[in-house]
Every structure is written in C-alpha cells, then in structure tokens.
Amino acid sequence: ECEVTTFVTFYAGGKLHPEWFDTGES
C-alpha cells in the first residue's frame, strides 16, 4: 500500500487487478 497526502490524501492498494489488462499483456 501507498499513501500520499497533498491537498487530499491519495491511497493506492497494491493488489493487481488482472481483468483491467488486455489479453496477453504482462
């Protein structure tokens, strides 16, 4: 996970979502 606070707080969870990627894309 990653959290960055500037004018708001941004959060990134580290789990990849394979359905987002195109077929065959690494």
mmCIF file of all heavy atoms, coordinates in Angstrom:
data_MODEL
# 
_entry.id   MODEL 
# 
loop_
_atom_site.group_PDB 
_atom_site.id 
_atom_site.type_symbol 
_atom_site.label_atom_id 
_atom_site.label_alt_id 
_atom_site.label_comp_id 
_atom_site.label_asym_id 
_atom_site.label_entity_id 
_atom_site.label_seq_id 
_atom_site.pdbx_PDB_ins_code 
_atom_site.Cartn_x 
_atom_site.Cartn_y 
_atom_site.Cartn_z 
_atom_site.occupancy 
_atom_site.B_iso_or_equiv 
_atom_site.pdbx_formal_charge 
_atom_site.auth_seq_id 
_atom_site.auth_comp_id 
_atom_site.auth_asym_id 
_atom_site.auth_atom_id 
_atom_site.pdbx_PDB_model_num 
ATOM 1   N N   . GLU A 1 1  ? 0.841   -1.196  0.000   1.00 0.00 ? 1  GLU A N   1 
ATOM 2   C CA  . GLU A 1 1  ? 0.000   0.000   0.000   1.00 0.00 ? 1  GLU A CA  1 
ATOM 3   C C   . GLU A 1 1  ? 0.875   1.245   0.000   1.00 0.00 ? 1  GLU A C   1 
ATOM 4   O O   . GLU A 1 1  ? 2.035   1.208   0.399   1.00 0.00 ? 1  GLU A O   1 
ATOM 5   C CB  . GLU A 1 1  ? -0.978  0.028   1.168   1.00 0.00 ? 1  GLU A CB  1 
ATOM 6   C CG  . GLU A 1 1  ? -0.346  0.020   2.535   1.00 0.00 ? 1  GLU A CG  1 
ATOM 7   C CD  . GLU A 1 1  ? -1.363  -0.046  3.660   1.00 0.00 ? 1  GLU A CD  1 
ATOM 8   O OE1 . GLU A 1 1  ? -2.565  -0.182  3.400   1.00 0.00 ? 1  GLU A OE1 1 
ATOM 9   O OE2 . GLU A 1 1  ? -0.934  0.049   4.801   1.00 0.00 ? 1  GLU A OE2 1 
ATOM 10  N N   . CYS A 1 2  ? 0.277   2.337   -0.462  1.00 0.00 ? 2  CYS A N   1 
ATOM 11  C CA  . CYS A 1 2  ? 0.988   3.607   -0.532  1.00 0.00 ? 2  CYS A CA  1 
ATOM 12  C C   . CYS A 1 2  ? -0.021  4.720   -0.279  1.00 0.00 ? 2  CYS A C   1 
ATOM 13  O O   . CYS A 1 2  ? -1.137  4.688   -0.803  1.00 0.00 ? 2  CYS A O   1 
ATOM 14  C CB  . CYS A 1 2  ? 1.621   3.757   -1.915  1.00 0.00 ? 2  CYS A CB  1 
ATOM 15  S SG  . CYS A 1 2  ? 2.528   5.286   -2.143  1.00 0.00 ? 2  CYS A SG  1 
ATOM 16  N N   . GLU A 1 3  ? 0.392   5.681   0.522   1.00 0.00 ? 3  GLU A N   1 
ATOM 17  C CA  . GLU A 1 3  ? -0.466  6.822   0.835   1.00 0.00 ? 3  GLU A CA  1 
ATOM 18  C C   . GLU A 1 3  ? 0.326   8.104   0.648   1.00 0.00 ? 3  GLU A C   1 
ATOM 19  O O   . GLU A 1 3  ? 1.462   8.217   1.115   1.00 0.00 ? 3  GLU A O   1 
ATOM 20  C CB  . GLU A 1 3  ? -0.937  6.709   2.288   1.00 0.00 ? 3  GLU A CB  1 
ATOM 21  C CG  . GLU A 1 3  ? -1.865  7.785   2.731   1.00 0.00 ? 3  GLU A CG  1 
ATOM 22  C CD  . GLU A 1 3  ? -2.275  7.604   4.193   1.00 0.00 ? 3  GLU A CD  1 
ATOM 23  O OE1 . GLU A 1 3  ? -2.665  6.488   4.575   1.00 0.00 ? 3  GLU A OE1 1 
ATOM 24  O OE2 . GLU A 1 3  ? -2.179  8.585   4.938   1.00 0.00 ? 3  GLU A OE2 1 
ATOM 25  N N   . VAL A 1 4  ? -0.269  9.058   -0.066  1.00 0.00 ? 4  VAL A N   1 
ATOM 26  C CA  . VAL A 1 4  ? 0.366   10.353  -0.307  1.00 0.00 ? 4  VAL A CA  1 
ATOM 27  C C   . VAL A 1 4  ? -0.646  11.432  0.038   1.00 0.00 ? 4  VAL A C   1 
ATOM 28  O O   . VAL A 1 4  ? -1.773  11.407  -0.442  1.00 0.00 ? 4  VAL A O   1 
ATOM 29  C CB  . VAL A 1 4  ? 0.799   10.506  -1.785  1.00 0.00 ? 4  VAL A CB  1 
ATOM 30  C CG1 . VAL A 1 4  ? 1.371   11.892  -2.032  1.00 0.00 ? 4  VAL A CG1 1 
ATOM 31  C CG2 . VAL A 1 4  ? 1.793   9.428   -2.178  1.00 0.00 ? 4  VAL A CG2 1 
ATOM 32  N N   . THR A 1 5  ? -0.226  12.378  0.877   1.00 0.00 ? 5  THR A N   1 
ATOM 33  C CA  . THR A 1 5  ? -1.103  13.489  1.242   1.00 0.00 ? 5  THR A CA  1 
ATOM 34  C C   . THR A 1 5  ? -0.532  14.779  0.677   1.00 0.00 ? 5  THR A C   1 
ATOM 35  O O   . THR A 1 5  ? 0.582   15.175  1.013   1.00 0.00 ? 5  THR A O   1 
ATOM 36  C CB  . THR A 1 5  ? -1.268  13.590  2.773   1.00 0.00 ? 5  THR A CB  1 
ATOM 37  O OG1 . THR A 1 5  ? -1.774  12.352  3.260   1.00 0.00 ? 5  THR A OG1 1 
ATOM 38  C CG2 . THR A 1 5  ? -2.218  14.715  3.144   1.00 0.00 ? 5  THR A CG2 1 
ATOM 39  N N   . THR A 1 6  ? -1.314  15.389  -0.203  1.00 0.00 ? 6  THR A N   1 
ATOM 40  C CA  . THR A 1 6  ? -1.014  16.720  -0.719  1.00 0.00 ? 6  THR A CA  1 
ATOM 41  C C   . THR A 1 6  ? -2.221  17.575  -0.338  1.00 0.00 ? 6  THR A C   1 
ATOM 42  O O   . THR A 1 6  ? -2.473  17.745  0.857   1.00 0.00 ? 6  THR A O   1 
ATOM 43  C CB  . THR A 1 6  ? -0.757  16.694  -2.246  1.00 0.00 ? 6  THR A CB  1 
ATOM 44  O OG1 . THR A 1 6  ? -1.886  16.132  -2.913  1.00 0.00 ? 6  THR A OG1 1 
ATOM 45  C CG2 . THR A 1 6  ? 0.495   15.898  -2.579  1.00 0.00 ? 6  THR A CG2 1 
ATOM 46  N N   . PHE A 1 7  ? -3.020  18.044  -1.295  1.00 0.00 ? 7  PHE A N   1 
ATOM 47  C CA  . PHE A 1 7  ? -4.235  18.789  -0.957  1.00 0.00 ? 7  PHE A CA  1 
ATOM 48  C C   . PHE A 1 7  ? -5.361  17.847  -0.526  1.00 0.00 ? 7  PHE A C   1 
ATOM 49  O O   . PHE A 1 7  ? -6.317  18.267  0.102   1.00 0.00 ? 7  PHE A O   1 
ATOM 50  C CB  . PHE A 1 7  ? -4.673  19.693  -2.117  1.00 0.00 ? 7  PHE A CB  1 
ATOM 51  C CG  . PHE A 1 7  ? -5.153  18.945  -3.333  1.00 0.00 ? 7  PHE A CG  1 
ATOM 52  C CD1 . PHE A 1 7  ? -6.511  18.777  -3.561  1.00 0.00 ? 7  PHE A CD1 1 
ATOM 53  C CD2 . PHE A 1 7  ? -4.247  18.419  -4.242  1.00 0.00 ? 7  PHE A CD2 1 
ATOM 54  C CE1 . PHE A 1 7  ? -6.951  18.097  -4.680  1.00 0.00 ? 7  PHE A CE1 1 
ATOM 55  C CE2 . PHE A 1 7  ? -4.682  17.738  -5.363  1.00 0.00 ? 7  PHE A CE2 1 
ATOM 56  C CZ  . PHE A 1 7  ? -6.038  17.571  -5.585  1.00 0.00 ? 7  PHE A CZ  1 
ATOM 57  N N   . VAL A 1 8  ? -5.249  16.565  -0.874  1.00 0.00 ? 8  VAL A N   1 
ATOM 58  C CA  . VAL A 1 8  ? -6.100  15.482  -0.389  1.00 0.00 ? 8  VAL A CA  1 
ATOM 59  C C   . VAL A 1 8  ? -5.192  14.277  -0.178  1.00 0.00 ? 8  VAL A C   1 
ATOM 60  O O   . VAL A 1 8  ? -4.022  14.296  -0.554  1.00 0.00 ? 8  VAL A O   1 
ATOM 61  C CB  . VAL A 1 8  ? -7.253  15.108  -1.378  1.00 0.00 ? 8  VAL A CB  1 
ATOM 62  C CG1 . VAL A 1 8  ? -8.215  16.264  -1.560  1.00 0.00 ? 8  VAL A CG1 1 
ATOM 63  C CG2 . VAL A 1 8  ? -6.715  14.637  -2.700  1.00 0.00 ? 8  VAL A CG2 1 
ATOM 64  N N   . THR A 1 9  ? -5.723  13.225  0.385   1.00 0.00 ? 9  THR A N   1 
ATOM 65  C CA  . THR A 1 9  ? -4.939  12.009  0.576   1.00 0.00 ? 9  THR A CA  1 
ATOM 66  C C   . THR A 1 9  ? -5.263  11.021  -0.538  1.00 0.00 ? 9  THR A C   1 
ATOM 67  O O   . THR A 1 9  ? -6.431  10.722  -0.799  1.00 0.00 ? 9  THR A O   1 
ATOM 68  C CB  . THR A 1 9  ? -5.238  11.367  1.947   1.00 0.00 ? 9  THR A CB  1 
ATOM 69  O OG1 . THR A 1 9  ? -4.866  12.295  2.962   1.00 0.00 ? 9  THR A OG1 1 
ATOM 70  C CG2 . THR A 1 9  ? -4.460  10.083  2.136   1.00 0.00 ? 9  THR A CG2 1 
ATOM 71  N N   . PHE A 1 10 ? -4.208  10.564  -1.197  1.00 0.00 ? 10 PHE A N   1 
ATOM 72  C CA  . PHE A 1 10 ? -4.321  9.560   -2.245  1.00 0.00 ? 10 PHE A CA  1 
ATOM 73  C C   . PHE A 1 10 ? -3.866  8.233   -1.665  1.00 0.00 ? 10 PHE A C   1 
ATOM 74  O O   . PHE A 1 10 ? -2.857  8.177   -0.962  1.00 0.00 ? 10 PHE A O   1 
ATOM 75  C CB  . PHE A 1 10 ? -3.435  9.916   -3.441  1.00 0.00 ? 10 PHE A CB  1 
ATOM 76  C CG  . PHE A 1 10 ? -3.809  11.206  -4.104  1.00 0.00 ? 10 PHE A CG  1 
ATOM 77  C CD1 . PHE A 1 10 ? -3.202  12.398  -3.718  1.00 0.00 ? 10 PHE A CD1 1 
ATOM 78  C CD2 . PHE A 1 10 ? -4.767  11.241  -5.106  1.00 0.00 ? 10 PHE A CD2 1 
ATOM 79  C CE1 . PHE A 1 10 ? -3.533  13.595  -4.329  1.00 0.00 ? 10 PHE A CE1 1 
ATOM 80  C CE2 . PHE A 1 10 ? -5.114  12.434  -5.722  1.00 0.00 ? 10 PHE A CE2 1 
ATOM 81  C CZ  . PHE A 1 10 ? -4.497  13.619  -5.337  1.00 0.00 ? 10 PHE A CZ  1 
ATOM 82  N N   . TYR A 1 11 ? -4.598  7.180   -1.965  1.00 0.00 ? 11 TYR A N   1 
ATOM 83  C CA  . TYR A 1 11 ? -4.271  5.857   -1.451  1.00 0.00 ? 11 TYR A CA  1 
ATOM 84  C C   . TYR A 1 11 ? -4.195  4.885   -2.610  1.00 0.00 ? 11 TYR A C   1 
ATOM 85  O O   . TYR A 1 11 ? -5.049  4.892   -3.495  1.00 0.00 ? 11 TYR A O   1 
ATOM 86  C CB  . TYR A 1 11 ? -5.334  5.379   -0.457  1.00 0.00 ? 11 TYR A CB  1 
ATOM 87  C CG  . TYR A 1 11 ? -5.114  3.960   -0.001  1.00 0.00 ? 11 TYR A CG  1 
ATOM 88  C CD1 . TYR A 1 11 ? -4.201  3.672   1.001   1.00 0.00 ? 11 TYR A CD1 1 
ATOM 89  C CD2 . TYR A 1 11 ? -5.786  2.905   -0.601  1.00 0.00 ? 11 TYR A CD2 1 
ATOM 90  C CE1 . TYR A 1 11 ? -3.977  2.368   1.413   1.00 0.00 ? 11 TYR A CE1 1 
ATOM 91  C CE2 . TYR A 1 11 ? -5.566  1.592   -0.201  1.00 0.00 ? 11 TYR A CE2 1 
ATOM 92  C CZ  . TYR A 1 11 ? -4.656  1.335   0.806   1.00 0.00 ? 11 TYR A CZ  1 
ATOM 93  O OH  . TYR A 1 11 ? -4.421  0.045   1.185   1.00 0.00 ? 11 TYR A OH  1 
ATOM 94  N N   . ALA A 1 12 ? -3.165  4.060   -2.622  1.00 0.00 ? 12 ALA A N   1 
ATOM 95  C CA  . ALA A 1 12 ? -3.025  3.007   -3.623  1.00 0.00 ? 12 ALA A CA  1 
ATOM 96  C C   . ALA A 1 12 ? -2.847  1.684   -2.906  1.00 0.00 ? 12 ALA A C   1 
ATOM 97  O O   . ALA A 1 12 ? -1.887  1.499   -2.163  1.00 0.00 ? 12 ALA A O   1 
ATOM 98  C CB  . ALA A 1 12 ? -1.828  3.281   -4.530  1.00 0.00 ? 12 ALA A CB  1 
ATOM 99  N N   . GLY A 1 13 ? -3.797  0.787   -3.090  1.00 0.00 ? 13 GLY A N   1 
ATOM 100 C CA  . GLY A 1 13 ? -3.642  -0.587  -2.614  1.00 0.00 ? 13 GLY A CA  1 
ATOM 101 C C   . GLY A 1 13 ? -2.793  -1.332  -3.627  1.00 0.00 ? 13 GLY A C   1 
ATOM 102 O O   . GLY A 1 13 ? -2.892  -1.082  -4.833  1.00 0.00 ? 13 GLY A O   1 
ATOM 103 N N   . GLY A 1 14 ? -1.976  -2.233  -3.187  1.00 0.00 ? 14 GLY A N   1 
ATOM 104 C CA  . GLY A 1 14 ? -1.020  -2.876  -4.074  1.00 0.00 ? 14 GLY A CA  1 
ATOM 105 C C   . GLY A 1 14 ? -1.518  -4.061  -4.869  1.00 0.00 ? 14 GLY A C   1 
ATOM 106 O O   . GLY A 1 14 ? -0.815  -4.560  -5.742  1.00 0.00 ? 14 GLY A O   1 
ATOM 107 N N   . LYS A 1 15 ? -2.725  -4.539  -4.607  1.00 0.00 ? 15 LYS A N   1 
ATOM 108 C CA  . LYS A 1 15 ? -3.226  -5.718  -5.300  1.00 0.00 ? 15 LYS A CA  1 
ATOM 109 C C   . LYS A 1 15 ? -3.522  -5.398  -6.759  1.00 0.00 ? 15 LYS A C   1 
ATOM 110 O O   . LYS A 1 15 ? -4.259  -4.475  -7.069  1.00 0.00 ? 15 LYS A O   1 
ATOM 111 C CB  . LYS A 1 15 ? -4.496  -6.237  -4.631  1.00 0.00 ? 15 LYS A CB  1 
ATOM 112 C CG  . LYS A 1 15 ? -5.035  -7.498  -5.271  1.00 0.00 ? 15 LYS A CG  1 
ATOM 113 C CD  . LYS A 1 15 ? -6.278  -7.980  -4.537  1.00 0.00 ? 15 LYS A CD  1 
ATOM 114 C CE  . LYS A 1 15 ? -6.785  -9.264  -5.140  1.00 0.00 ? 15 LYS A CE  1 
ATOM 115 N NZ  . LYS A 1 15 ? -7.693  -9.061  -6.241  1.00 0.00 ? 15 LYS A NZ  1 
ATOM 116 N N   . LEU A 1 16 ? -2.905  -6.170  -7.655  1.00 0.00 ? 16 LEU A N   1 
ATOM 117 C CA  . LEU A 1 16 ? -3.155  -6.007  -9.087  1.00 0.00 ? 16 LEU A CA  1 
ATOM 118 C C   . LEU A 1 16 ? -4.529  -6.558  -9.448  1.00 0.00 ? 16 LEU A C   1 
ATOM 119 O O   . LEU A 1 16 ? -4.989  -7.540  -8.862  1.00 0.00 ? 16 LEU A O   1 
ATOM 120 C CB  . LEU A 1 16 ? -2.091  -6.752  -9.897  1.00 0.00 ? 16 LEU A CB  1 
ATOM 121 C CG  . LEU A 1 16 ? -0.719  -6.095  -9.947  1.00 0.00 ? 16 LEU A CG  1 
ATOM 122 C CD1 . LEU A 1 16 ? 0.309   -7.053  -10.523 1.00 0.00 ? 16 LEU A CD1 1 
ATOM 123 C CD2 . LEU A 1 16 ? -0.755  -4.826  -10.764 1.00 0.00 ? 16 LEU A CD2 1 
ATOM 124 N N   . HIS A 1 17 ? -5.163  -5.946  -10.422 1.00 0.00 ? 17 HIS A N   1 
ATOM 125 C CA  . HIS A 1 17 ? -6.461  -6.396  -10.925 1.00 0.00 ? 17 HIS A CA  1 
ATOM 126 C C   . HIS A 1 17 ? -6.269  -6.863  -12.365 1.00 0.00 ? 17 HIS A C   1 
ATOM 127 O O   . HIS A 1 17 ? -6.326  -6.058  -13.300 1.00 0.00 ? 17 HIS A O   1 
ATOM 128 C CB  . HIS A 1 17 ? -7.488  -5.263  -10.842 1.00 0.00 ? 17 HIS A CB  1 
ATOM 129 C CG  . HIS A 1 17 ? -7.754  -4.840  -9.438  1.00 0.00 ? 17 HIS A CG  1 
ATOM 130 N ND1 . HIS A 1 17 ? -8.568  -5.550  -8.590  1.00 0.00 ? 17 HIS A ND1 1 
ATOM 131 C CD2 . HIS A 1 17 ? -7.270  -3.793  -8.722  1.00 0.00 ? 17 HIS A CD2 1 
ATOM 132 C CE1 . HIS A 1 17 ? -8.596  -4.945  -7.417  1.00 0.00 ? 17 HIS A CE1 1 
ATOM 133 N NE2 . HIS A 1 17 ? -7.806  -3.883  -7.467  1.00 0.00 ? 17 HIS A NE2 1 
ATOM 134 N N   . PRO A 1 18 ? -6.047  -8.159  -12.574 1.00 0.00 ? 18 PRO A N   1 
ATOM 135 C CA  . PRO A 1 18 ? -5.710  -8.665  -13.909 1.00 0.00 ? 18 PRO A CA  1 
ATOM 136 C C   . PRO A 1 18 ? -6.791  -8.426  -14.955 1.00 0.00 ? 18 PRO A C   1 
ATOM 137 O O   . PRO A 1 18 ? -6.490  -8.316  -16.145 1.00 0.00 ? 18 PRO A O   1 
ATOM 138 C CB  . PRO A 1 18 ? -5.484  -10.158 -13.688 1.00 0.00 ? 18 PRO A CB  1 
ATOM 139 C CG  . PRO A 1 18 ? -5.997  -10.473 -12.348 1.00 0.00 ? 18 PRO A CG  1 
ATOM 140 C CD  . PRO A 1 18 ? -6.075  -9.197  -11.563 1.00 0.00 ? 18 PRO A CD  1 
ATOM 141 N N   . GLU A 1 19 ? -8.039  -8.296  -14.555 1.00 0.00 ? 19 GLU A N   1 
ATOM 142 C CA  . GLU A 1 19 ? -9.121  -8.068  -15.523 1.00 0.00 ? 19 GLU A CA  1 
ATOM 143 C C   . GLU A 1 19 ? -8.991  -6.717  -16.226 1.00 0.00 ? 19 GLU A C   1 
ATOM 144 O O   . GLU A 1 19 ? -9.554  -6.513  -17.297 1.00 0.00 ? 19 GLU A O   1 
ATOM 145 C CB  . GLU A 1 19 ? -10.498 -8.199  -14.851 1.00 0.00 ? 19 GLU A CB  1 
ATOM 146 C CG  . GLU A 1 19 ? -10.809 -7.139  -13.821 1.00 0.00 ? 19 GLU A CG  1 
ATOM 147 C CD  . GLU A 1 19 ? -10.240 -7.381  -12.416 1.00 0.00 ? 19 GLU A CD  1 
ATOM 148 O OE1 . GLU A 1 19 ? -9.556  -8.405  -12.194 1.00 0.00 ? 19 GLU A OE1 1 
ATOM 149 O OE2 . GLU A 1 19 ? -10.474 -6.529  -11.546 1.00 0.00 ? 19 GLU A OE2 1 
ATOM 150 N N   . TRP A 1 20 ? -8.234  -5.803  -15.658 1.00 0.00 ? 20 TRP A N   1 
ATOM 151 C CA  . TRP A 1 20 ? -8.044  -4.484  -16.253 1.00 0.00 ? 20 TRP A CA  1 
ATOM 152 C C   . TRP A 1 20 ? -7.114  -4.543  -17.470 1.00 0.00 ? 20 TRP A C   1 
ATOM 153 O O   . TRP A 1 20 ? -7.233  -3.762  -18.392 1.00 0.00 ? 20 TRP A O   1 
ATOM 154 C CB  . TRP A 1 20 ? -7.487  -3.519  -15.208 1.00 0.00 ? 20 TRP A CB  1 
ATOM 155 C CG  . TRP A 1 20 ? -7.385  -2.113  -15.699 1.00 0.00 ? 20 TRP A CG  1 
ATOM 156 C CD1 . TRP A 1 20 ? -8.376  -1.173  -15.727 1.00 0.00 ? 20 TRP A CD1 1 
ATOM 157 C CD2 . TRP A 1 20 ? -6.227  -1.480  -16.256 1.00 0.00 ? 20 TRP A CD2 1 
ATOM 158 N NE1 . TRP A 1 20 ? -7.902  0.001   -16.262 1.00 0.00 ? 20 TRP A NE1 1 
ATOM 159 C CE2 . TRP A 1 20 ? -6.575  -0.162  -16.588 1.00 0.00 ? 20 TRP A CE2 1 
ATOM 160 C CE3 . TRP A 1 20 ? -4.927  -1.898  -16.501 1.00 0.00 ? 20 TRP A CE3 1 
ATOM 161 C CZ2 . TRP A 1 20 ? -5.688  0.736   -17.144 1.00 0.00 ? 20 TRP A CZ2 1 
ATOM 162 C CZ3 . TRP A 1 20 ? -4.033  -1.002  -17.063 1.00 0.00 ? 20 TRP A CZ3 1 
ATOM 163 C CH2 . TRP A 1 20 ? -4.421  0.301   -17.376 1.00 0.00 ? 20 TRP A CH2 1 
ATOM 164 N N   . PHE A 1 21 ? -6.186  -5.497  -17.458 1.00 0.00 ? 21 PHE A N   1 
ATOM 165 C CA  . PHE A 1 21 ? -5.187  -5.598  -18.512 1.00 0.00 ? 21 PHE A CA  1 
ATOM 166 C C   . PHE A 1 21 ? -5.768  -6.271  -19.755 1.00 0.00 ? 21 PHE A C   1 
ATOM 167 O O   . PHE A 1 21 ? -6.684  -7.090  -19.672 1.00 0.00 ? 21 PHE A O   1 
ATOM 168 C CB  . PHE A 1 21 ? -3.970  -6.396  -18.011 1.00 0.00 ? 21 PHE A CB  1 
ATOM 169 C CG  . PHE A 1 21 ? -3.236  -5.695  -16.898 1.00 0.00 ? 21 PHE A CG  1 
ATOM 170 C CD1 . PHE A 1 21 ? -3.561  -5.938  -15.571 1.00 0.00 ? 21 PHE A CD1 1 
ATOM 171 C CD2 . PHE A 1 21 ? -2.228  -4.795  -17.179 1.00 0.00 ? 21 PHE A CD2 1 
ATOM 172 C CE1 . PHE A 1 21 ? -2.885  -5.291  -14.548 1.00 0.00 ? 21 PHE A CE1 1 
ATOM 173 C CE2 . PHE A 1 21 ? -1.549  -4.144  -16.168 1.00 0.00 ? 21 PHE A CE2 1 
ATOM 174 C CZ  . PHE A 1 21 ? -1.881  -4.389  -14.842 1.00 0.00 ? 21 PHE A CZ  1 
ATOM 175 N N   . ASP A 1 22 ? -5.211  -5.926  -20.916 1.00 0.00 ? 22 ASP A N   1 
ATOM 176 C CA  . ASP A 1 22 ? -5.596  -6.572  -22.168 1.00 0.00 ? 22 ASP A CA  1 
ATOM 177 C C   . ASP A 1 22 ? -5.085  -8.010  -22.186 1.00 0.00 ? 22 ASP A C   1 
ATOM 178 O O   . ASP A 1 22 ? -4.079  -8.332  -21.548 1.00 0.00 ? 22 ASP A O   1 
ATOM 179 C CB  . ASP A 1 22 ? -5.003  -5.814  -23.370 1.00 0.00 ? 22 ASP A CB  1 
ATOM 180 C CG  . ASP A 1 22 ? -5.584  -4.417  -23.518 1.00 0.00 ? 22 ASP A CG  1 
ATOM 181 O OD1 . ASP A 1 22 ? -6.757  -4.219  -23.132 1.00 0.00 ? 22 ASP A OD1 1 
ATOM 182 O OD2 . ASP A 1 22 ? -4.859  -3.527  -24.008 1.00 0.00 ? 22 ASP A OD2 1 
ATOM 183 N N   . THR A 1 23 ? -5.744  -8.861  -22.943 1.00 0.00 ? 23 THR A N   1 
ATOM 184 C CA  . THR A 1 23 ? -5.319  -10.247 -23.077 1.00 0.00 ? 23 THR A CA  1 
ATOM 185 C C   . THR A 1 23 ? -3.884  -10.287 -23.593 1.00 0.00 ? 23 THR A C   1 
ATOM 186 O O   . THR A 1 23 ? -3.540  -9.610  -24.553 1.00 0.00 ? 23 THR A O   1 
ATOM 187 C CB  . THR A 1 23 ? -6.238  -11.009 -24.061 1.00 0.00 ? 23 THR A CB  1 
ATOM 188 O OG1 . THR A 1 23 ? -7.576  -10.889 -23.587 1.00 0.00 ? 23 THR A OG1 1 
ATOM 189 C CG2 . THR A 1 23 ? -5.852  -12.468 -24.167 1.00 0.00 ? 23 THR A CG2 1 
ATOM 190 N N   . GLY A 1 24 ? -3.053  -11.059 -22.925 1.00 0.00 ? 24 GLY A N   1 
ATOM 191 C CA  . GLY A 1 24 ? -1.658  -11.189 -23.317 1.00 0.00 ? 24 GLY A CA  1 
ATOM 192 C C   . GLY A 1 24 ? -0.741  -10.118 -22.764 1.00 0.00 ? 24 GLY A C   1 
ATOM 193 O O   . GLY A 1 24 ? 0.474   -10.228 -22.860 1.00 0.00 ? 24 GLY A O   1 
ATOM 194 N N   . GLU A 1 25 ? -1.310  -9.077  -22.169 1.00 0.00 ? 25 GLU A N   1 
ATOM 195 C CA  . GLU A 1 25 ? -0.494  -8.011  -21.598 1.00 0.00 ? 25 GLU A CA  1 
ATOM 196 C C   . GLU A 1 25 ? 0.086   -8.480  -20.268 1.00 0.00 ? 25 GLU A C   1 
ATOM 197 O O   . GLU A 1 25 ? -0.611  -9.060  -19.443 1.00 0.00 ? 25 GLU A O   1 
ATOM 198 C CB  . GLU A 1 25 ? -1.359  -6.764  -21.375 1.00 0.00 ? 25 GLU A CB  1 
ATOM 199 C CG  . GLU A 1 25 ? -0.582  -5.545  -20.953 1.00 0.00 ? 25 GLU A CG  1 
ATOM 200 C CD  . GLU A 1 25 ? -1.468  -4.307  -20.820 1.00 0.00 ? 25 GLU A CD  1 
ATOM 201 O OE1 . GLU A 1 25 ? -2.699  -4.398  -20.996 1.00 0.00 ? 25 GLU A OE1 1 
ATOM 202 O OE2 . GLU A 1 25 ? -0.913  -3.251  -20.525 1.00 0.00 ? 25 GLU A OE2 1 
ATOM 203 N N   . SER A 1 26 ? 1.365   -8.241  -20.066 1.00 0.00 ? 26 SER A N   1 
ATOM 204 C CA  . SER A 1 26 ? 2.028   -8.676  -18.842 1.00 0.00 ? 26 SER A CA  1 
ATOM 205 C C   . SER A 1 26 ? 1.672   -7.741  -17.699 1.00 0.00 ? 26 SER A C   1 
ATOM 206 O O   . SER A 1 26 ? 1.742   -6.529  -17.823 1.00 0.00 ? 26 SER A O   1 
ATOM 207 C CB  . SER A 1 26 ? 3.542   -8.671  -19.043 1.00 0.00 ? 26 SER A CB  1 
ATOM 208 O OG  . SER A 1 26 ? 4.187   -8.976  -17.840 1.00 0.00 ? 26 SER A OG  1 
# 
